[in-house]
N, C-alpha and C. Protein backbone atom coordinates (compact mmCIF):
# COMPACT_ATOMS: atom_id res chain seq x y z
N MET A 1 58.12 -26.53 -76.55
CA MET A 1 56.99 -27.93 -76.04
C MET A 1 56.93 -27.94 -74.77
N ASP A 2 56.18 -28.81 -75.04
CA ASP A 2 55.51 -28.82 -73.21
C ASP A 2 55.79 -30.10 -72.78
N THR A 3 55.13 -30.45 -71.32
CA THR A 3 55.70 -31.71 -70.49
C THR A 3 54.93 -32.60 -71.50
N PHE A 4 53.76 -33.05 -71.99
CA PHE A 4 53.80 -33.72 -72.71
C PHE A 4 54.35 -34.22 -73.53
N PHE A 5 55.37 -32.99 -74.49
CA PHE A 5 56.48 -33.86 -75.02
C PHE A 5 57.37 -34.96 -74.80
N SER A 6 57.76 -34.27 -73.45
CA SER A 6 59.11 -34.74 -72.54
C SER A 6 58.27 -36.36 -72.39
N ALA A 7 56.94 -36.41 -71.29
CA ALA A 7 56.54 -37.93 -71.19
C ALA A 7 56.19 -38.71 -72.10
N LYS A 8 55.78 -38.18 -73.25
CA LYS A 8 55.30 -38.94 -74.54
C LYS A 8 56.85 -39.18 -75.44
N VAL A 9 57.47 -38.87 -75.38
CA VAL A 9 59.16 -39.06 -75.71
C VAL A 9 60.03 -40.16 -75.27
N ARG A 10 59.79 -39.98 -73.65
CA ARG A 10 60.84 -41.16 -72.84
C ARG A 10 59.69 -42.67 -72.68
N GLY A 11 58.21 -42.04 -72.96
CA GLY A 11 57.20 -43.61 -72.96
C GLY A 11 57.35 -43.98 -74.12
N LEU A 12 57.64 -43.73 -75.32
CA LEU A 12 57.75 -44.32 -76.82
C LEU A 12 59.42 -44.62 -76.74
N TRP A 13 60.21 -43.82 -75.94
CA TRP A 13 61.46 -45.03 -75.66
C TRP A 13 61.93 -45.80 -75.51
N SER A 14 61.24 -45.65 -74.49
CA SER A 14 61.02 -47.14 -73.74
C SER A 14 60.57 -48.64 -74.29
N VAL A 15 59.40 -48.02 -75.44
CA VAL A 15 58.57 -49.29 -76.10
C VAL A 15 59.45 -49.83 -77.21
N TYR A 16 60.34 -48.49 -77.89
CA TYR A 16 61.14 -48.36 -78.85
C TYR A 16 62.36 -49.92 -78.68
N GLN A 17 62.94 -49.25 -77.46
CA GLN A 17 64.39 -50.02 -77.02
C GLN A 17 63.57 -51.64 -76.94
N SER A 18 62.50 -51.82 -76.34
CA SER A 18 62.39 -53.29 -76.04
C SER A 18 62.04 -54.13 -77.50
N SER A 19 61.70 -53.07 -78.21
CA SER A 19 61.38 -53.91 -79.78
C SER A 19 61.82 -53.06 -80.81
N PRO A 20 63.14 -52.71 -81.20
CA PRO A 20 63.18 -51.53 -82.05
C PRO A 20 62.63 -51.95 -83.45
N ASN A 21 62.85 -53.33 -84.18
CA ASN A 21 62.63 -54.00 -85.41
C ASN A 21 60.75 -54.09 -85.69
N THR A 22 60.46 -54.13 -84.70
CA THR A 22 58.70 -53.88 -84.92
C THR A 22 57.98 -52.70 -84.18
N PHE A 23 58.60 -51.81 -84.07
CA PHE A 23 58.18 -50.30 -83.38
C PHE A 23 56.70 -50.17 -83.91
N ASP A 24 56.57 -49.49 -83.35
CA ASP A 24 54.60 -48.85 -84.48
C ASP A 24 55.30 -47.44 -84.30
N TRP A 25 56.03 -46.93 -85.99
CA TRP A 25 55.62 -45.72 -86.00
C TRP A 25 54.56 -44.53 -85.71
N GLU A 26 53.43 -45.50 -85.87
CA GLU A 26 52.20 -44.48 -86.02
C GLU A 26 51.94 -43.87 -84.42
N SER A 27 52.55 -44.72 -83.54
CA SER A 27 52.42 -44.45 -82.23
C SER A 27 53.03 -43.02 -82.08
N CYS A 28 53.46 -42.81 -82.47
CA CYS A 28 54.34 -41.57 -82.55
C CYS A 28 53.70 -40.30 -83.28
N ASP A 29 52.72 -40.33 -83.65
CA ASP A 29 52.08 -39.22 -84.72
C ASP A 29 52.04 -38.04 -83.79
N SER A 30 51.09 -37.76 -82.91
CA SER A 30 50.82 -36.64 -82.49
C SER A 30 52.08 -36.51 -81.91
N LEU A 31 53.53 -36.85 -81.86
CA LEU A 31 54.99 -35.95 -81.69
C LEU A 31 55.01 -35.50 -82.84
N LEU A 32 55.02 -35.94 -83.78
CA LEU A 32 55.31 -35.79 -85.67
C LEU A 32 54.95 -34.22 -85.52
N ARG A 33 52.99 -34.58 -85.23
CA ARG A 33 52.40 -33.16 -85.08
C ARG A 33 53.21 -32.21 -84.48
N LEU A 34 53.62 -32.41 -83.76
CA LEU A 34 54.04 -31.50 -82.61
C LEU A 34 55.17 -31.08 -83.09
N MET A 35 55.81 -31.85 -83.91
CA MET A 35 57.57 -30.99 -83.77
C MET A 35 56.88 -30.23 -85.85
N LEU A 36 55.98 -30.64 -86.17
CA LEU A 36 55.65 -30.07 -87.59
C LEU A 36 54.88 -28.87 -87.15
N GLY A 37 54.44 -28.98 -85.95
CA GLY A 37 53.85 -27.35 -85.94
C GLY A 37 52.44 -27.42 -86.15
N VAL A 38 51.93 -28.56 -85.97
CA VAL A 38 50.70 -28.77 -86.72
C VAL A 38 49.38 -28.30 -85.64
N ASN A 39 49.53 -28.76 -84.25
CA ASN A 39 48.95 -28.74 -83.13
C ASN A 39 49.25 -27.50 -82.63
N VAL A 40 48.16 -27.18 -82.05
CA VAL A 40 48.59 -25.77 -81.21
C VAL A 40 49.25 -25.47 -80.57
N GLN A 41 49.07 -26.19 -79.48
CA GLN A 41 50.40 -26.12 -78.28
C GLN A 41 51.48 -25.82 -78.86
N SER A 42 51.84 -26.69 -80.19
CA SER A 42 53.45 -26.39 -80.51
C SER A 42 53.77 -25.12 -81.01
N GLY A 43 53.06 -24.27 -82.11
CA GLY A 43 53.09 -23.44 -82.59
C GLY A 43 53.48 -22.98 -83.75
N SER A 44 54.67 -23.75 -83.51
CA SER A 44 55.77 -23.12 -84.53
C SER A 44 56.39 -24.63 -84.89
N SER A 45 56.87 -24.75 -86.44
CA SER A 45 57.38 -26.41 -86.80
C SER A 45 58.93 -26.15 -86.23
N TRP A 46 59.46 -27.09 -86.47
CA TRP A 46 60.77 -27.32 -85.66
C TRP A 46 61.85 -26.98 -87.13
N PHE A 47 61.26 -26.87 -87.84
CA PHE A 47 61.69 -26.55 -89.47
C PHE A 47 62.26 -25.17 -89.15
N GLN A 48 61.37 -24.34 -88.29
CA GLN A 48 61.35 -22.74 -88.06
C GLN A 48 61.88 -22.14 -87.00
N VAL A 49 62.57 -23.04 -86.49
CA VAL A 49 63.24 -22.56 -85.31
C VAL A 49 64.61 -23.16 -84.97
N ASN A 50 65.23 -22.45 -84.01
CA ASN A 50 66.38 -22.87 -83.89
C ASN A 50 67.06 -23.21 -82.73
N THR A 51 66.22 -23.48 -81.37
CA THR A 51 65.72 -23.80 -80.40
C THR A 51 64.38 -23.69 -79.70
N LEU A 52 64.83 -25.22 -79.04
CA LEU A 52 63.61 -25.33 -77.92
C LEU A 52 63.81 -25.83 -76.74
N LEU A 53 62.85 -25.26 -76.19
CA LEU A 53 63.03 -25.23 -74.50
C LEU A 53 61.92 -26.04 -73.61
N ILE A 54 62.36 -27.36 -73.68
CA ILE A 54 61.21 -28.50 -73.02
C ILE A 54 61.13 -28.81 -71.29
N PRO A 55 60.38 -28.23 -70.65
CA PRO A 55 60.36 -28.58 -69.86
C PRO A 55 59.88 -30.02 -68.80
N ILE A 56 60.47 -30.77 -68.10
CA ILE A 56 60.92 -32.19 -67.90
C ILE A 56 60.77 -32.40 -66.05
N HIS A 57 59.18 -33.47 -66.20
CA HIS A 57 59.25 -33.71 -64.59
C HIS A 57 59.75 -35.41 -64.65
N PHE A 58 60.19 -35.29 -63.61
CA PHE A 58 61.17 -36.41 -62.98
C PHE A 58 59.96 -36.88 -62.53
N ASP A 59 59.00 -37.92 -62.12
CA ASP A 59 57.97 -38.76 -61.42
C ASP A 59 58.52 -39.23 -59.89
N ASP A 60 59.53 -40.41 -60.35
CA ASP A 60 60.14 -40.38 -59.38
C ASP A 60 60.95 -39.38 -58.10
N LEU A 61 61.03 -38.62 -58.96
CA LEU A 61 62.71 -37.60 -57.98
C LEU A 61 60.98 -36.43 -57.80
N LYS A 62 60.22 -36.26 -58.23
CA LYS A 62 59.33 -34.94 -58.19
C LYS A 62 59.46 -33.77 -58.31
N HIS A 63 60.20 -33.90 -58.97
CA HIS A 63 61.73 -32.65 -59.95
C HIS A 63 61.27 -32.14 -61.05
N TRP A 64 61.41 -31.16 -61.23
CA TRP A 64 61.52 -30.34 -62.55
C TRP A 64 62.49 -29.66 -63.07
N ALA A 65 62.93 -29.48 -63.88
CA ALA A 65 64.24 -29.35 -64.77
C ALA A 65 63.64 -28.92 -65.86
N LEU A 66 64.96 -27.87 -66.71
CA LEU A 66 64.74 -27.29 -68.09
C LEU A 66 65.87 -27.87 -69.28
N VAL A 67 65.61 -28.51 -70.07
CA VAL A 67 65.88 -29.23 -71.46
C VAL A 67 66.06 -28.25 -72.07
N ASN A 68 67.24 -27.57 -72.66
CA ASN A 68 67.22 -26.79 -74.04
C ASN A 68 67.74 -27.48 -74.93
N LEU A 69 67.01 -27.84 -75.88
CA LEU A 69 67.74 -28.26 -77.36
C LEU A 69 68.37 -27.22 -78.23
N GLU A 70 69.19 -27.53 -78.58
CA GLU A 70 69.66 -26.39 -79.87
C GLU A 70 69.48 -27.51 -80.93
N LEU A 71 68.67 -27.30 -82.30
CA LEU A 71 68.33 -27.73 -83.11
C LEU A 71 69.73 -27.10 -84.58
N THR A 72 70.26 -25.95 -84.02
CA THR A 72 71.54 -25.48 -84.58
C THR A 72 72.75 -26.17 -85.06
N ASN A 73 73.25 -26.69 -83.52
CA ASN A 73 74.01 -27.62 -83.32
C ASN A 73 73.93 -29.25 -83.12
N TRP A 74 72.82 -29.32 -82.62
CA TRP A 74 72.19 -30.39 -82.06
C TRP A 74 72.73 -30.78 -80.55
N THR A 75 72.44 -29.80 -79.81
CA THR A 75 72.96 -30.18 -78.08
C THR A 75 71.78 -29.74 -77.00
N ILE A 76 71.86 -30.39 -76.38
CA ILE A 76 70.97 -30.27 -75.20
C ILE A 76 71.39 -30.17 -74.09
N GLU A 77 71.06 -29.08 -73.31
CA GLU A 77 71.92 -28.21 -72.35
C GLU A 77 70.54 -28.69 -71.32
N VAL A 78 70.81 -28.99 -70.37
CA VAL A 78 70.04 -29.38 -69.42
C VAL A 78 70.57 -28.53 -67.49
N TYR A 79 69.24 -27.51 -67.55
CA TYR A 79 69.36 -26.68 -66.26
C TYR A 79 68.54 -27.44 -65.70
N ASP A 80 69.23 -27.93 -64.07
CA ASP A 80 68.70 -28.27 -63.03
C ASP A 80 69.05 -27.96 -61.78
N SER A 81 68.18 -27.36 -61.47
CA SER A 81 68.12 -26.40 -60.07
C SER A 81 68.57 -27.38 -58.88
N MET A 82 68.61 -28.81 -58.83
CA MET A 82 69.03 -29.35 -57.87
C MET A 82 70.03 -30.94 -58.14
N GLN A 83 70.92 -30.33 -58.81
CA GLN A 83 71.68 -30.81 -59.07
C GLN A 83 72.93 -31.61 -57.85
N HIS A 84 72.37 -33.17 -58.22
CA HIS A 84 73.71 -33.73 -57.01
C HIS A 84 74.44 -34.55 -57.57
N LYS A 85 74.99 -35.12 -56.84
CA LYS A 85 75.93 -36.38 -57.73
C LYS A 85 75.09 -37.48 -56.78
N GLY A 86 75.56 -38.64 -57.73
CA GLY A 86 74.89 -39.89 -57.10
C GLY A 86 73.53 -40.14 -57.66
N PRO A 87 72.55 -40.82 -57.16
CA PRO A 87 71.32 -40.95 -57.79
C PRO A 87 70.43 -39.69 -58.72
N HIS A 88 70.35 -38.73 -57.76
CA HIS A 88 69.51 -37.98 -58.70
C HIS A 88 70.38 -37.41 -59.74
N ASN A 89 71.57 -37.41 -59.97
CA ASN A 89 71.81 -37.17 -61.59
C ASN A 89 72.14 -38.26 -62.29
N SER A 90 72.23 -39.20 -62.14
CA SER A 90 72.07 -40.81 -62.88
C SER A 90 70.22 -40.66 -62.98
N LYS A 91 69.17 -40.18 -62.45
CA LYS A 91 67.92 -40.64 -62.77
C LYS A 91 67.24 -39.28 -63.66
N VAL A 92 68.26 -37.90 -63.66
CA VAL A 92 68.04 -36.72 -64.44
C VAL A 92 68.68 -37.49 -65.73
N ARG A 93 69.93 -37.74 -65.72
CA ARG A 93 70.21 -38.21 -67.36
C ARG A 93 69.49 -39.56 -67.63
N GLY A 94 69.27 -40.24 -67.32
CA GLY A 94 68.29 -41.69 -67.60
C GLY A 94 66.80 -40.83 -68.46
N GLY A 95 66.58 -39.50 -67.48
CA GLY A 95 64.98 -39.51 -68.02
C GLY A 95 65.86 -38.33 -69.62
N VAL A 96 66.52 -37.54 -69.76
CA VAL A 96 67.32 -37.23 -70.50
C VAL A 96 67.84 -38.00 -71.67
N ASP A 97 68.19 -39.07 -71.63
CA ASP A 97 68.93 -39.97 -72.36
C ASP A 97 67.50 -40.62 -73.52
N ALA A 98 65.98 -40.66 -73.01
CA ALA A 98 65.34 -40.85 -73.99
C ALA A 98 65.55 -39.71 -74.77
N LEU A 99 65.44 -38.61 -74.48
CA LEU A 99 64.95 -37.47 -75.57
C LEU A 99 66.45 -37.18 -76.53
N SER A 100 67.58 -37.83 -75.84
CA SER A 100 68.84 -37.89 -76.67
C SER A 100 68.88 -38.88 -77.65
N LYS A 101 67.78 -39.99 -77.19
CA LYS A 101 68.49 -40.71 -78.29
C LYS A 101 67.32 -41.18 -79.39
N PHE A 102 66.16 -40.66 -78.44
CA PHE A 102 64.68 -40.80 -79.53
C PHE A 102 64.53 -39.70 -80.21
N ILE A 103 64.57 -38.40 -80.28
CA ILE A 103 64.36 -37.20 -81.22
C ILE A 103 65.43 -37.31 -82.44
N PRO A 104 66.18 -37.63 -82.51
CA PRO A 104 67.27 -37.66 -83.45
C PRO A 104 66.37 -38.91 -84.53
N LEU A 105 65.81 -39.98 -84.05
CA LEU A 105 64.95 -40.91 -84.89
C LEU A 105 64.16 -40.48 -85.32
N LEU A 106 63.20 -39.78 -84.47
CA LEU A 106 61.99 -38.53 -84.60
C LEU A 106 62.43 -37.76 -86.02
N ALA A 107 63.35 -36.85 -85.58
CA ALA A 107 63.42 -35.61 -86.58
C ALA A 107 64.10 -36.67 -88.31
N GLU A 108 64.71 -37.96 -88.42
CA GLU A 108 65.21 -38.49 -88.95
C GLU A 108 63.74 -39.01 -90.05
N ARG A 109 62.71 -39.18 -89.36
CA ARG A 109 61.25 -39.07 -90.29
C ARG A 109 60.85 -38.40 -90.79
N LEU A 110 60.93 -37.34 -90.11
CA LEU A 110 60.54 -36.06 -90.78
C LEU A 110 61.68 -35.34 -91.96
N SER A 111 62.58 -35.97 -92.17
CA SER A 111 63.44 -35.55 -93.00
C SER A 111 64.10 -34.35 -92.50
N LEU A 112 64.46 -34.19 -91.06
CA LEU A 112 64.56 -32.49 -90.59
C LEU A 112 66.28 -32.26 -90.81
N PHE A 113 66.73 -33.32 -90.74
CA PHE A 113 68.46 -33.17 -90.79
C PHE A 113 68.88 -33.01 -92.19
N GLU A 114 67.53 -32.98 -93.48
CA GLU A 114 67.81 -31.83 -94.84
C GLU A 114 68.41 -30.46 -94.45
N PHE A 115 67.48 -30.06 -93.51
CA PHE A 115 67.41 -28.66 -93.19
C PHE A 115 67.97 -28.30 -92.06
N LYS A 116 68.09 -28.85 -91.11
CA LYS A 116 69.13 -29.03 -90.21
C LYS A 116 70.30 -29.97 -89.83
N PRO A 117 70.70 -29.89 -90.58
CA PRO A 117 72.34 -30.52 -90.56
C PRO A 117 73.16 -30.92 -89.30
N ARG A 118 73.28 -32.33 -89.26
CA ARG A 118 74.55 -32.70 -88.00
C ARG A 118 75.61 -32.64 -88.40
N GLU A 119 76.93 -32.45 -88.02
CA GLU A 119 78.04 -32.72 -88.24
C GLU A 119 78.79 -34.18 -87.36
N PRO A 120 78.57 -34.80 -87.66
CA PRO A 120 78.36 -35.73 -88.39
C PRO A 120 77.15 -36.05 -89.10
N PRO A 121 76.73 -36.68 -89.88
CA PRO A 121 75.06 -37.34 -90.38
C PRO A 121 75.16 -38.42 -89.34
N GLY A 122 73.77 -38.22 -88.88
CA GLY A 122 73.45 -39.33 -88.64
C GLY A 122 72.09 -39.73 -87.05
N THR A 123 71.71 -40.78 -86.98
CA THR A 123 70.63 -40.44 -85.51
C THR A 123 71.53 -40.99 -84.55
N TYR A 124 72.65 -40.53 -84.36
CA TYR A 124 73.49 -40.70 -82.89
C TYR A 124 72.68 -40.23 -82.06
N PRO A 125 72.83 -40.28 -80.37
CA PRO A 125 72.27 -39.36 -79.62
C PRO A 125 72.95 -38.28 -79.22
N ILE A 126 71.82 -37.22 -78.99
CA ILE A 126 72.35 -35.97 -79.35
C ILE A 126 73.06 -35.84 -78.16
N PRO A 127 74.65 -34.93 -78.08
CA PRO A 127 75.02 -34.78 -76.73
C PRO A 127 74.38 -34.10 -75.75
N VAL A 128 74.49 -34.51 -74.33
CA VAL A 128 74.10 -34.21 -73.53
C VAL A 128 74.90 -33.35 -72.43
N ALA A 129 74.50 -32.03 -71.82
CA ALA A 129 75.47 -31.17 -71.05
C ALA A 129 74.28 -31.07 -69.50
N ILE A 130 74.92 -31.22 -68.43
CA ILE A 130 74.37 -30.90 -67.21
C ILE A 130 74.44 -29.25 -66.95
N MET A 131 74.14 -28.35 -67.39
CA MET A 131 74.80 -27.39 -67.20
C MET A 131 75.59 -27.01 -65.15
N ALA A 132 76.48 -26.57 -65.17
CA ALA A 132 77.04 -26.07 -64.06
C ALA A 132 76.68 -24.01 -63.65
N ASP A 133 77.19 -24.25 -62.21
CA ASP A 133 77.40 -22.50 -62.18
C ASP A 133 76.04 -22.31 -62.31
N ILE A 134 74.80 -22.64 -62.18
CA ILE A 134 73.35 -21.75 -62.59
C ILE A 134 72.64 -22.00 -61.13
N PRO A 135 71.56 -20.82 -60.80
CA PRO A 135 71.45 -20.91 -59.56
C PRO A 135 70.65 -22.10 -59.14
N ARG A 136 71.05 -22.77 -57.50
CA ARG A 136 70.53 -23.89 -57.09
C ARG A 136 69.64 -23.33 -55.93
N GLN A 137 68.49 -24.55 -56.01
CA GLN A 137 67.39 -23.96 -54.86
C GLN A 137 68.00 -24.75 -53.42
N GLY A 138 67.29 -23.88 -52.62
CA GLY A 138 68.15 -24.43 -51.20
C GLY A 138 67.32 -25.10 -50.24
N ASN A 139 66.19 -25.50 -51.18
CA ASN A 139 65.20 -26.84 -50.71
C ASN A 139 64.67 -27.79 -51.63
N GLY A 140 63.82 -28.32 -51.37
CA GLY A 140 63.16 -29.64 -51.98
C GLY A 140 62.04 -29.13 -52.85
N GLY A 141 61.52 -28.05 -52.77
CA GLY A 141 60.41 -27.59 -53.26
C GLY A 141 60.12 -26.65 -54.36
N ASP A 142 61.43 -26.23 -54.67
CA ASP A 142 61.49 -24.76 -55.53
C ASP A 142 61.63 -25.01 -56.66
N CYS A 143 61.55 -26.04 -57.39
CA CYS A 143 62.65 -26.73 -58.67
C CYS A 143 61.16 -26.44 -59.77
N GLY A 144 60.26 -26.19 -59.32
CA GLY A 144 59.74 -25.37 -60.62
C GLY A 144 59.78 -23.93 -60.99
N ILE A 145 59.63 -23.26 -59.76
CA ILE A 145 60.00 -21.96 -60.45
C ILE A 145 61.35 -21.34 -60.62
N PHE A 146 62.62 -22.25 -60.13
CA PHE A 146 63.59 -22.30 -60.93
C PHE A 146 63.36 -22.84 -62.47
N THR A 147 62.94 -23.62 -62.72
CA THR A 147 63.00 -24.07 -64.42
C THR A 147 62.24 -22.98 -65.17
N ILE A 148 60.89 -22.09 -64.38
CA ILE A 148 60.55 -21.03 -65.09
C ILE A 148 61.52 -20.17 -65.53
N LYS A 149 62.16 -19.83 -64.13
CA LYS A 149 63.23 -18.69 -64.38
C LYS A 149 64.01 -18.59 -65.43
N ASN A 150 64.40 -20.20 -65.55
CA ASN A 150 65.96 -20.43 -66.63
C ASN A 150 65.25 -20.46 -68.01
N ALA A 151 64.13 -20.39 -68.48
CA ALA A 151 63.33 -20.94 -69.42
C ALA A 151 63.38 -19.12 -69.69
N GLU A 152 62.95 -18.29 -68.51
CA GLU A 152 62.68 -17.12 -68.69
C GLU A 152 64.14 -16.04 -69.62
N CYS A 153 65.22 -16.99 -68.45
CA CYS A 153 66.35 -16.13 -68.86
C CYS A 153 66.89 -16.53 -70.01
N LEU A 154 66.43 -17.79 -70.58
CA LEU A 154 67.36 -18.17 -72.05
C LEU A 154 66.41 -17.79 -73.02
N ILE A 155 64.99 -17.49 -72.57
CA ILE A 155 63.96 -16.57 -73.55
C ILE A 155 64.45 -15.33 -74.17
N GLU A 156 65.20 -14.68 -72.88
CA GLU A 156 65.42 -12.94 -72.89
C GLU A 156 67.07 -12.77 -73.43
N GLY A 157 67.93 -13.78 -73.50
CA GLY A 157 69.07 -13.54 -73.81
C GLY A 157 69.72 -13.66 -72.45
N ARG A 158 69.65 -13.68 -71.17
CA ARG A 158 70.46 -13.42 -70.25
C ARG A 158 71.02 -14.44 -70.28
N ASP A 159 71.75 -14.84 -69.39
CA ASP A 159 72.96 -15.43 -68.82
C ASP A 159 72.15 -16.07 -67.52
N VAL A 160 72.36 -17.56 -68.18
CA VAL A 160 71.29 -18.64 -66.34
C VAL A 160 72.51 -18.42 -65.72
N ARG A 161 73.62 -18.47 -65.72
CA ARG A 161 75.07 -19.02 -64.53
C ARG A 161 74.39 -17.37 -63.74
N ARG A 162 74.98 -18.61 -62.66
CA ARG A 162 74.99 -17.93 -61.29
C ARG A 162 76.51 -17.08 -60.91
N LYS A 163 76.52 -15.39 -60.83
CA LYS A 163 77.06 -14.90 -60.44
C LYS A 163 77.68 -15.05 -58.68
N LEU A 164 78.80 -15.31 -58.42
CA LEU A 164 79.44 -15.32 -57.33
C LEU A 164 79.38 -14.30 -56.27
N GLU A 165 79.22 -14.16 -54.98
CA GLU A 165 79.63 -12.92 -54.58
C GLU A 165 81.00 -12.23 -55.27
N GLY A 166 81.54 -12.66 -55.12
CA GLY A 166 83.13 -11.94 -55.43
C GLY A 166 83.41 -11.48 -57.00
N ASP A 167 82.14 -12.14 -57.79
CA ASP A 167 82.20 -11.66 -59.23
C ASP A 167 81.48 -9.80 -59.72
N TYR A 168 80.76 -9.47 -58.35
CA TYR A 168 79.94 -9.02 -58.30
C TYR A 168 81.31 -7.42 -57.99
N LYS A 169 80.56 -6.41 -58.62
CA LYS A 169 81.52 -4.75 -58.82
C LYS A 169 81.31 -4.19 -57.88
N SER A 170 79.64 -4.47 -57.87
CA SER A 170 78.85 -3.21 -57.17
C SER A 170 77.61 -3.35 -56.89
N ASP A 171 76.33 -3.21 -56.19
CA ASP A 171 74.92 -3.28 -55.71
C ASP A 171 74.10 -3.38 -57.29
N GLU A 172 74.91 -2.50 -58.52
CA GLU A 172 74.31 -2.55 -59.42
C GLU A 172 74.06 -3.35 -60.17
N ASP A 173 75.55 -4.08 -60.08
CA ASP A 173 75.92 -5.62 -60.96
C ASP A 173 74.62 -6.61 -60.26
N VAL A 174 74.22 -6.90 -59.02
CA VAL A 174 73.18 -7.68 -58.91
C VAL A 174 71.79 -8.08 -59.61
N ASP A 175 71.70 -8.85 -60.62
CA ASP A 175 69.94 -8.79 -60.66
C ASP A 175 69.44 -9.87 -59.86
N THR A 176 68.61 -8.32 -59.20
CA THR A 176 67.32 -8.73 -58.40
C THR A 176 65.88 -9.27 -58.73
N ASP A 177 66.20 -9.45 -60.56
CA ASP A 177 64.94 -10.35 -60.66
C ASP A 177 65.17 -11.55 -61.01
N TYR A 178 66.25 -12.15 -60.47
CA TYR A 178 66.46 -13.55 -60.09
C TYR A 178 66.21 -14.14 -58.83
C-alpha cells in the first residue's frame, strides 16, 4: 500500500465517526478499488496476499513509521523508530487507531472475511502492537530511512529487532546492511 491509503483511511474514519449511520460508503470507492487490486499502484488484491506494508506519515509529528498488517491473523504491528512515552506514542496510536477500526469495516464491505476469516468473527478493531527492540533513530530526521529499512527487512524475511552488543558472538554476526 502507499501513503495515500493510510491518509485516506484516517480521513474517512474521521468522517465515519461523526455520522456512522449516514456515512456515504461511495466515498470509499478509491480505497475499495485499491483493496481489490484494480488500481495500478496496488498491484495485488487483498484476497491474494497475506501481508500488507503501509508507510504512514503523521503530519502533526512530521514523522514516518511502518504498519505491518497481517491478514492471516488480522493483527497490526507498528515499526516506529522514534518510539517515546507520552504524547508521541499517543499520536502514533491515534493515527493507527483509524486503520485498526476502519479496515475491518472496509473488509466486511468486500466480503474479505469469507476468504480470510477472523477469530472470533466480526468487525471489531484489529489488535495493534507497537514493536519494541527495533532499531531507533538517533536524531529527529532519519525516520524515513528507518521506515524503508524496516520494510526491506520484513519483505526479505529478516529479523527487524535490534541485536544488543552482548548478543553478538563475533564480528560476523553484525548486520552491516542495517
